[in-house]
Amino acid sequence: MPISDIDIDDAKKLFDLNVWSYIEVAQACPPILLQSPGGGMIVNQSSVGSITVLPYQGLYTASKAAIAMFSVL
């Protein structure tokens, strides 16, 4: 739907799922990964929507772009 029609609470829920939950996992995992043989890595799932326009998916693509940029670090 157009950004002008999005409910802010729904938008916050989407960002909670697609951005903040990834950050929480990234903060929780290093102690476990550092103790495992060979270390380990965190792999994040993004979307082609993070780099291209998808009609009526502005909020979704913004959340996926955020996690794609976070994952580069």
PDB file of N, CA and C in Angstrom:
ATOM      1  N   MET A   1       0.836  -1.181   0.000  1.00  0.00           N
ATOM      2  CA  MET A   1       0.000   0.000   0.000  1.00  0.00           C
ATOM      3  C   MET A   1       0.879   1.242   0.000  1.00  0.00           C
ATOM      4  N   PRO A   2       0.358   2.365  -0.389  1.00  0.00           N
ATOM      5  CA  PRO A   2       1.140   3.603  -0.368  1.00  0.00           C
ATOM      6  C   PRO A   2       1.551   3.967   1.059  1.00  0.00           C
ATOM      7  N   ILE A   3       2.681   4.604   1.181  1.00  0.00           N
ATOM      8  CA  ILE A   3       3.185   5.025   2.491  1.00  0.00           C
ATOM      9  C   ILE A   3       2.149   5.870   3.231  1.00  0.00           C
ATOM     10  N   SER A   4       1.408   6.662   2.505  1.00  0.00           N
ATOM     11  CA  SER A   4       0.418   7.542   3.143  1.00  0.00           C
ATOM     12  C   SER A   4      -0.699   6.764   3.832  1.00  0.00           C
ATOM     13  N   ASP A   5      -0.879   5.498   3.484  1.00  0.00           N
ATOM     14  CA  ASP A   5      -1.962   4.688   4.063  1.00  0.00           C
ATOM     15  C   ASP A   5      -1.492   3.709   5.140  1.00  0.00           C
ATOM     16  N   ILE A   6      -0.209   3.681   5.417  1.00  0.00           N
ATOM     17  CA  ILE A   6       0.325   2.703   6.369  1.00  0.00           C
ATOM     18  C   ILE A   6       0.045   3.118   7.801  1.00  0.00           C
ATOM     19  N   ASP A   7      -0.397   2.171   8.590  1.00  0.00           N
ATOM     20  CA  ASP A   7      -0.596   2.388  10.013  1.00  0.00           C
ATOM     21  C   ASP A   7       0.777   2.386  10.693  1.00  0.00           C
ATOM     22  N   ILE A   8       1.065   3.395  11.498  1.00  0.00           N
ATOM     23  CA  ILE A   8       2.372   3.526  12.134  1.00  0.00           C
ATOM     24  C   ILE A   8       2.687   2.332  13.038  1.00  0.00           C
ATOM     25  N   ASP A   9       1.703   1.821  13.745  1.00  0.00           N
ATOM     26  CA  ASP A   9       1.950   0.646  14.591  1.00  0.00           C
ATOM     27  C   ASP A   9       2.348  -0.562  13.752  1.00  0.00           C
ATOM     28  N   ASP A  10       1.722  -0.740  12.601  1.00  0.00           N
ATOM     29  CA  ASP A  10       2.100  -1.832  11.702  1.00  0.00           C
ATOM     30  C   ASP A  10       3.510  -1.620  11.154  1.00  0.00           C
ATOM     31  N   ALA A  11       3.832  -0.367  10.860  1.00  0.00           N
ATOM     32  CA  ALA A  11       5.172  -0.059  10.364  1.00  0.00           C
ATOM     33  C   ALA A  11       6.225  -0.390  11.423  1.00  0.00           C
ATOM     34  N   LYS A  12       5.933  -0.064  12.661  1.00  0.00           N
ATOM     35  CA  LYS A  12       6.871  -0.363  13.755  1.00  0.00           C
ATOM     36  C   LYS A  12       7.031  -1.869  13.941  1.00  0.00           C
ATOM     37  N   LYS A  13       5.953  -2.610  13.798  1.00  0.00           N
ATOM     38  CA  LYS A  13       6.029  -4.067  13.905  1.00  0.00           C
ATOM     39  C   LYS A  13       6.902  -4.642  12.799  1.00  0.00           C
ATOM     40  N   LEU A  14       6.776  -4.112  11.589  1.00  0.00           N
ATOM     41  CA  LEU A  14       7.583  -4.589  10.470  1.00  0.00           C
ATOM     42  C   LEU A  14       9.062  -4.312  10.718  1.00  0.00           C
ATOM     43  N   PHE A  15       9.374  -3.112  11.207  1.00  0.00           N
ATOM     44  CA  PHE A  15      10.771  -2.799  11.506  1.00  0.00           C
ATOM     45  C   PHE A  15      11.281  -3.608  12.697  1.00  0.00           C
ATOM     46  N   ASP A  16      10.427  -3.880  13.669  1.00  0.00           N
ATOM     47  CA  ASP A  16      10.829  -4.759  14.778  1.00  0.00           C
ATOM     48  C   ASP A  16      11.256  -6.115  14.233  1.00  0.00           C
ATOM     49  N   LEU A  17      10.492  -6.642  13.307  1.00  0.00           N
ATOM     50  CA  LEU A  17      10.783  -7.953  12.729  1.00  0.00           C
ATOM     51  C   LEU A  17      11.983  -7.913  11.793  1.00  0.00           C
ATOM     52  N   ASN A  18      12.015  -6.959  10.885  1.00  0.00           N
ATOM     53  CA  ASN A  18      13.015  -6.957   9.818  1.00  0.00           C
ATOM     54  C   ASN A  18      14.302  -6.212  10.138  1.00  0.00           C
ATOM     55  N   VAL A  19      14.352  -5.466  11.225  1.00  0.00           N
ATOM     56  CA  VAL A  19      15.574  -4.730  11.556  1.00  0.00           C
ATOM     57  C   VAL A  19      16.020  -5.026  12.982  1.00  0.00           C
ATOM     58  N   TRP A  20      15.210  -4.649  13.943  1.00  0.00           N
ATOM     59  CA  TRP A  20      15.641  -4.739  15.342  1.00  0.00           C
ATOM     60  C   TRP A  20      15.893  -6.173  15.789  1.00  0.00           C
ATOM     61  N   SER A  21      15.142  -7.130  15.290  1.00  0.00           N
ATOM     62  CA  SER A  21      15.380  -8.527  15.690  1.00  0.00           C
ATOM     63  C   SER A  21      16.736  -9.016  15.170  1.00  0.00           C
ATOM     64  N   TYR A  22      17.148  -8.570  13.992  1.00  0.00           N
ATOM     65  CA  TYR A  22      18.452  -8.943  13.455  1.00  0.00           C
ATOM     66  C   TYR A  22      19.571  -8.376  14.340  1.00  0.00           C
ATOM     67  N   ILE A  23      19.392  -7.143  14.777  1.00  0.00           N
ATOM     68  CA  ILE A  23      20.400  -6.511  15.626  1.00  0.00           C
ATOM     69  C   ILE A  23      20.480  -7.222  16.972  1.00  0.00           C
ATOM     70  N   GLU A  24      19.342  -7.609  17.522  1.00  0.00           N
ATOM     71  CA  GLU A  24      19.343  -8.340  18.794  1.00  0.00           C
ATOM     72  C   GLU A  24      20.083  -9.667  18.663  1.00  0.00           C
ATOM     73  N   VAL A  25      19.868 -10.377  17.579  1.00  0.00           N
ATOM     74  CA  VAL A  25      20.569 -11.652  17.353  1.00  0.00           C
ATOM     75  C   VAL A  25      22.069 -11.399  17.193  1.00  0.00           C
ATOM     76  N   ALA A  26      22.433 -10.363  16.445  1.00  0.00           N
ATOM     77  CA  ALA A  26      23.845 -10.054  16.230  1.00  0.00           C
ATOM     78  C   ALA A  26      24.546  -9.713  17.542  1.00  0.00           C
ATOM     79  N   GLN A  27      23.825  -9.150  18.477  1.00  0.00           N
ATOM     80  CA  GLN A  27      24.416  -8.831  19.773  1.00  0.00           C
ATOM     81  C   GLN A  27      24.452 -10.043  20.693  1.00  0.00           C
ATOM     82  N   ALA A  28      23.524 -10.955  20.537  1.00  0.00           N
ATOM     83  CA  ALA A  28      23.449 -12.121  21.423  1.00  0.00           C
ATOM     84  C   ALA A  28      24.408 -13.242  21.012  1.00  0.00           C
ATOM     85  N   CYS A  29      24.728 -13.354  19.748  1.00  0.00           N
ATOM     86  CA  CYS A  29      25.484 -14.509  19.247  1.00  0.00           C
ATOM     87  C   CYS A  29      26.997 -14.484  19.441  1.00  0.00           C
ATOM     88  N   PRO A  30      27.673 -13.366  19.405  1.00  0.00           N
ATOM     89  CA  PRO A  30      29.144 -13.412  19.465  1.00  0.00           C
ATOM     90  C   PRO A  30      29.729 -14.228  20.618  1.00  0.00           C
ATOM     91  N   PRO A  31      29.228 -14.142  21.840  1.00  0.00           N
ATOM     92  CA  PRO A  31      29.830 -14.972  22.891  1.00  0.00           C
ATOM     93  C   PRO A  31      29.753 -16.474  22.578  1.00  0.00           C
ATOM     94  N   ILE A  32      28.657 -16.898  21.987  1.00  0.00           N
ATOM     95  CA  ILE A  32      28.497 -18.305  21.635  1.00  0.00           C
ATOM     96  C   ILE A  32      29.417 -18.663  20.469  1.00  0.00           C
ATOM     97  N   LEU A  33      29.458 -17.798  19.461  1.00  0.00           N
ATOM     98  CA  LEU A  33      30.285 -18.073  18.286  1.00  0.00           C
ATOM     99  C   LEU A  33      31.768 -18.099  18.637  1.00  0.00           C
ATOM    100  N   LEU A  34      32.197 -17.229  19.537  1.00  0.00           N
ATOM    101  CA  LEU A  34      33.606 -17.179  19.907  1.00  0.00           C
ATOM    102  C   LEU A  34      34.050 -18.435  20.652  1.00  0.00           C
ATOM    103  N   GLN A  35      33.130 -19.126  21.292  1.00  0.00           N
ATOM    104  CA  GLN A  35      33.459 -20.350  22.027  1.00  0.00           C
ATOM    105  C   GLN A  35      33.428 -21.596  21.141  1.00  0.00           C
ATOM    106  N   SER A  36      32.835 -21.491  19.973  1.00  0.00           N
ATOM    107  CA  SER A  36      32.715 -22.669  19.110  1.00  0.00           C
ATOM    108  C   SER A  36      33.993 -22.869  18.297  1.00  0.00           C
ATOM    109  N   PRO A  37      34.341 -24.128  18.002  1.00  0.00           N
ATOM    110  CA  PRO A  37      35.536 -24.391  17.200  1.00  0.00           C
ATOM    111  C   PRO A  37      35.428 -23.733  15.823  1.00  0.00           C
ATOM    112  N   GLY A  38      36.457 -23.012  15.454  1.00  0.00           N
ATOM    113  CA  GLY A  38      36.455 -22.368  14.146  1.00  0.00           C
ATOM    114  C   GLY A  38      35.659 -21.080  14.095  1.00  0.00           C
ATOM    115  N   GLY A  39      35.163 -20.639  15.226  1.00  0.00           N
ATOM    116  CA  GLY A  39      34.389 -19.399  15.253  1.00  0.00           C
ATOM    117  C   GLY A  39      33.002 -19.610  14.698  1.00  0.00           C
ATOM    118  N   GLY A  40      32.629 -18.856  13.754  1.00  0.00           N
ATOM    119  CA  GLY A  40      31.310 -18.954  13.151  1.00  0.00           C
ATOM    120  C   GLY A  40      30.955 -17.634  12.520  1.00  0.00           C
ATOM    121  N   MET A  41      29.785 -17.563  11.995  1.00  0.00           N
ATOM    122  CA  MET A  41      29.344 -16.308  11.393  1.00  0.00           C
ATOM    123  C   MET A  41      27.833 -16.179  11.495  1.00  0.00           C
ATOM    124  N   ILE A  42      27.398 -14.959  11.397  1.00  0.00           N
ATOM    125  CA  ILE A  42      25.977 -14.650  11.369  1.00  0.00           C
ATOM    126  C   ILE A  42      25.634 -14.312   9.923  1.00  0.00           C
ATOM    127  N   VAL A  43      24.628 -14.953   9.386  1.00  0.00           N
ATOM    128  CA  VAL A  43      24.189 -14.704   8.016  1.00  0.00           C
ATOM    129  C   VAL A  43      22.792 -14.101   8.078  1.00  0.00           C
ATOM    130  N   ASN A  44      22.652 -12.923   7.513  1.00  0.00           N
ATOM    131  CA  ASN A  44      21.359 -12.241   7.506  1.00  0.00           C
ATOM    132  C   ASN A  44      20.667 -12.419   6.165  1.00  0.00           C
ATOM    133  N   GLN A  45      19.358 -12.545   6.205  1.00  0.00           N
ATOM    134  CA  GLN A  45      18.547 -12.696   4.998  1.00  0.00           C
ATOM    135  C   GLN A  45      17.936 -11.349   4.640  1.00  0.00           C
ATOM    136  N   SER A  46      18.269 -10.843   3.486  1.00  0.00           N
ATOM    137  CA  SER A  46      17.680  -9.587   3.028  1.00  0.00           C
ATOM    138  C   SER A  46      16.752  -9.892   1.858  1.00  0.00           C
ATOM    139  N   SER A  47      16.660  -8.990   0.913  1.00  0.00           N
ATOM    140  CA  SER A  47      15.736  -9.150  -0.195  1.00  0.00           C
ATOM    141  C   SER A  47      16.223  -8.330  -1.379  1.00  0.00           C
ATOM    142  N   VAL A  48      15.857  -8.752  -2.562  1.00  0.00           N
ATOM    143  CA  VAL A  48      16.147  -7.946  -3.741  1.00  0.00           C
ATOM    144  C   VAL A  48      15.468  -6.584  -3.610  1.00  0.00           C
ATOM    145  N   GLY A  49      14.418  -6.543  -2.792  1.00  0.00           N
ATOM    146  CA  GLY A  49      13.737  -5.283  -2.539  1.00  0.00           C
ATOM    147  C   GLY A  49      14.602  -4.250  -1.834  1.00  0.00           C
ATOM    148  N   SER A  50      15.730  -4.691  -1.297  1.00  0.00           N
ATOM    149  CA  SER A  50      16.613  -3.730  -0.625  1.00  0.00           C
ATOM    150  C   SER A  50      17.381  -2.861  -1.611  1.00  0.00           C
ATOM    151  N   ILE A  51      17.408  -3.276  -2.892  1.00  0.00           N
ATOM    152  CA  ILE A  51      18.163  -2.510  -3.888  1.00  0.00           C
ATOM    153  C   ILE A  51      17.348  -2.111  -5.111  1.00  0.00           C
ATOM    154  N   THR A  52      16.081  -2.457  -5.122  1.00  0.00           N
ATOM    155  CA  THR A  52      15.244  -2.105  -6.266  1.00  0.00           C
ATOM    156  C   THR A  52      13.863  -1.665  -5.778  1.00  0.00           C
ATOM    157  N   VAL A  53      13.161  -0.984  -6.624  1.00  0.00           N
ATOM    158  CA  VAL A  53      11.827  -0.498  -6.272  1.00  0.00           C
ATOM    159  C   VAL A  53      10.794  -1.603  -6.495  1.00  0.00           C
ATOM    160  N   LEU A  54       9.996  -1.841  -5.474  1.00  0.00           N
ATOM    161  CA  LEU A  54       8.863  -2.750  -5.602  1.00  0.00           C
ATOM    162  C   LEU A  54       7.607  -1.922  -5.351  1.00  0.00           C
ATOM    163  N   PRO A  55       6.685  -1.880  -6.302  1.00  0.00           N
ATOM    164  CA  PRO A  55       5.495  -1.041  -6.146  1.00  0.00           C
ATOM    165  C   PRO A  55       4.736  -1.333  -4.842  1.00  0.00           C
ATOM    166  N   TYR A  56       4.391  -0.289  -4.145  1.00  0.00           N
ATOM    167  CA  TYR A  56       3.620  -0.352  -2.906  1.00  0.00           C
ATOM    168  C   TYR A  56       4.309  -1.154  -1.807  1.00  0.00           C
ATOM    169  N   GLN A  57       5.624  -1.247  -1.875  1.00  0.00           N
ATOM    170  CA  GLN A  57       6.382  -1.991  -0.873  1.00  0.00           C
ATOM    171  C   GLN A  57       7.437  -1.104  -0.207  1.00  0.00           C
ATOM    172  N   GLY A  58       7.183   0.198  -0.146  1.00  0.00           N
ATOM    173  CA  GLY A  58       8.175   1.151   0.379  1.00  0.00           C
ATOM    174  C   GLY A  58       8.648   0.835   1.781  1.00  0.00           C
ATOM    175  N   LEU A  59       7.749   0.501   2.653  1.00  0.00           N
ATOM    176  CA  LEU A  59       8.125   0.205   4.028  1.00  0.00           C
ATOM    177  C   LEU A  59       8.936  -1.085   4.107  1.00  0.00           C
ATOM    178  N   TYR A  60       8.472  -2.108   3.416  1.00  0.00           N
ATOM    179  CA  TYR A  60       9.182  -3.388   3.393  1.00  0.00           C
ATOM    180  C   TYR A  60      10.588  -3.213   2.831  1.00  0.00           C
ATOM    181  N   THR A  61      10.708  -2.526   1.686  1.00  0.00           N
ATOM    182  CA  THR A  61      12.019  -2.366   1.074  1.00  0.00           C
ATOM    183  C   THR A  61      12.934  -1.502   1.933  1.00  0.00           C
ATOM    184  N   ALA A  62      12.369  -0.527   2.627  1.00  0.00           N
ATOM    185  CA  ALA A  62      13.180   0.288   3.542  1.00  0.00           C
ATOM    186  C   ALA A  62      13.737  -0.573   4.671  1.00  0.00           C
ATOM    187  N   SER A  63      12.928  -1.474   5.205  1.00  0.00           N
ATOM    188  CA  SER A  63      13.401  -2.334   6.296  1.00  0.00           C
ATOM    189  C   SER A  63      14.459  -3.308   5.791  1.00  0.00           C
ATOM    190  N   LYS A  64      14.291  -3.829   4.591  1.00  0.00           N
ATOM    191  CA  LYS A  64      15.280  -4.747   4.036  1.00  0.00           C
ATOM    192  C   LYS A  64      16.567  -4.013   3.658  1.00  0.00           C
ATOM    193  N   ALA A  65      16.450  -2.784   3.202  1.00  0.00           N
ATOM    194  CA  ALA A  65      17.643  -1.984   2.900  1.00  0.00           C
ATOM    195  C   ALA A  65      18.419  -1.710   4.192  1.00  0.00           C
ATOM    196  N   ALA A  66      17.710  -1.460   5.268  1.00  0.00           N
ATOM    197  CA  ALA A  66      18.371  -1.214   6.548  1.00  0.00           C
ATOM    198  C   ALA A  66      19.181  -2.427   6.980  1.00  0.00           C
ATOM    199  N   ILE A  67      18.607  -3.607   6.878  1.00  0.00           N
ATOM    200  CA  ILE A  67      19.342  -4.804   7.295  1.00  0.00           C
ATOM    201  C   ILE A  67      20.462  -5.131   6.320  1.00  0.00           C
ATOM    202  N   ALA A  68      20.285  -4.838   5.038  1.00  0.00           N
ATOM    203  CA  ALA A  68      21.356  -5.061   4.071  1.00  0.00           C
ATOM    204  C   ALA A  68      22.553  -4.180   4.395  1.00  0.00           C
ATOM    205  N   MET A  69      22.324  -2.929   4.769  1.00  0.00           N
ATOM    206  CA  MET A  69      23.414  -2.035   5.124  1.00  0.00           C
ATOM    207  C   MET A  69      24.060  -2.440   6.439  1.00  0.00           C
ATOM    208  N   PHE A  70      23.266  -2.888   7.367  1.00  0.00           N
ATOM    209  CA  PHE A  70      23.773  -3.359   8.657  1.00  0.00           C
ATOM    210  C   PHE A  70      24.646  -4.595   8.445  1.00  0.00           C
ATOM    211  N   SER A  71      24.285  -5.448   7.524  1.00  0.00           N
ATOM    212  CA  SER A  71      24.981  -6.714   7.308  1.00  0.00           C
ATOM    213  C   SER A  71      26.344  -6.537   6.671  1.00  0.00           C
ATOM    214  N   VAL A  72      26.596  -5.404   6.069  1.00  0.00           N
ATOM    215  CA  VAL A  72      27.883  -5.150   5.416  1.00  0.00           C
ATOM    216  C   VAL A  72      28.986  -4.990   6.452  1.00  0.00           C
ATOM    217  N   LEU A  73      28.641  -4.506   7.615  1.00  0.00           N
ATOM    218  CA  LEU A  73      29.653  -4.229   8.652  1.00  0.00           C
ATOM    219  C   LEU A  73      30.250  -5.471   9.228  1.00  0.00           C
TER     220      LEU A  73
END
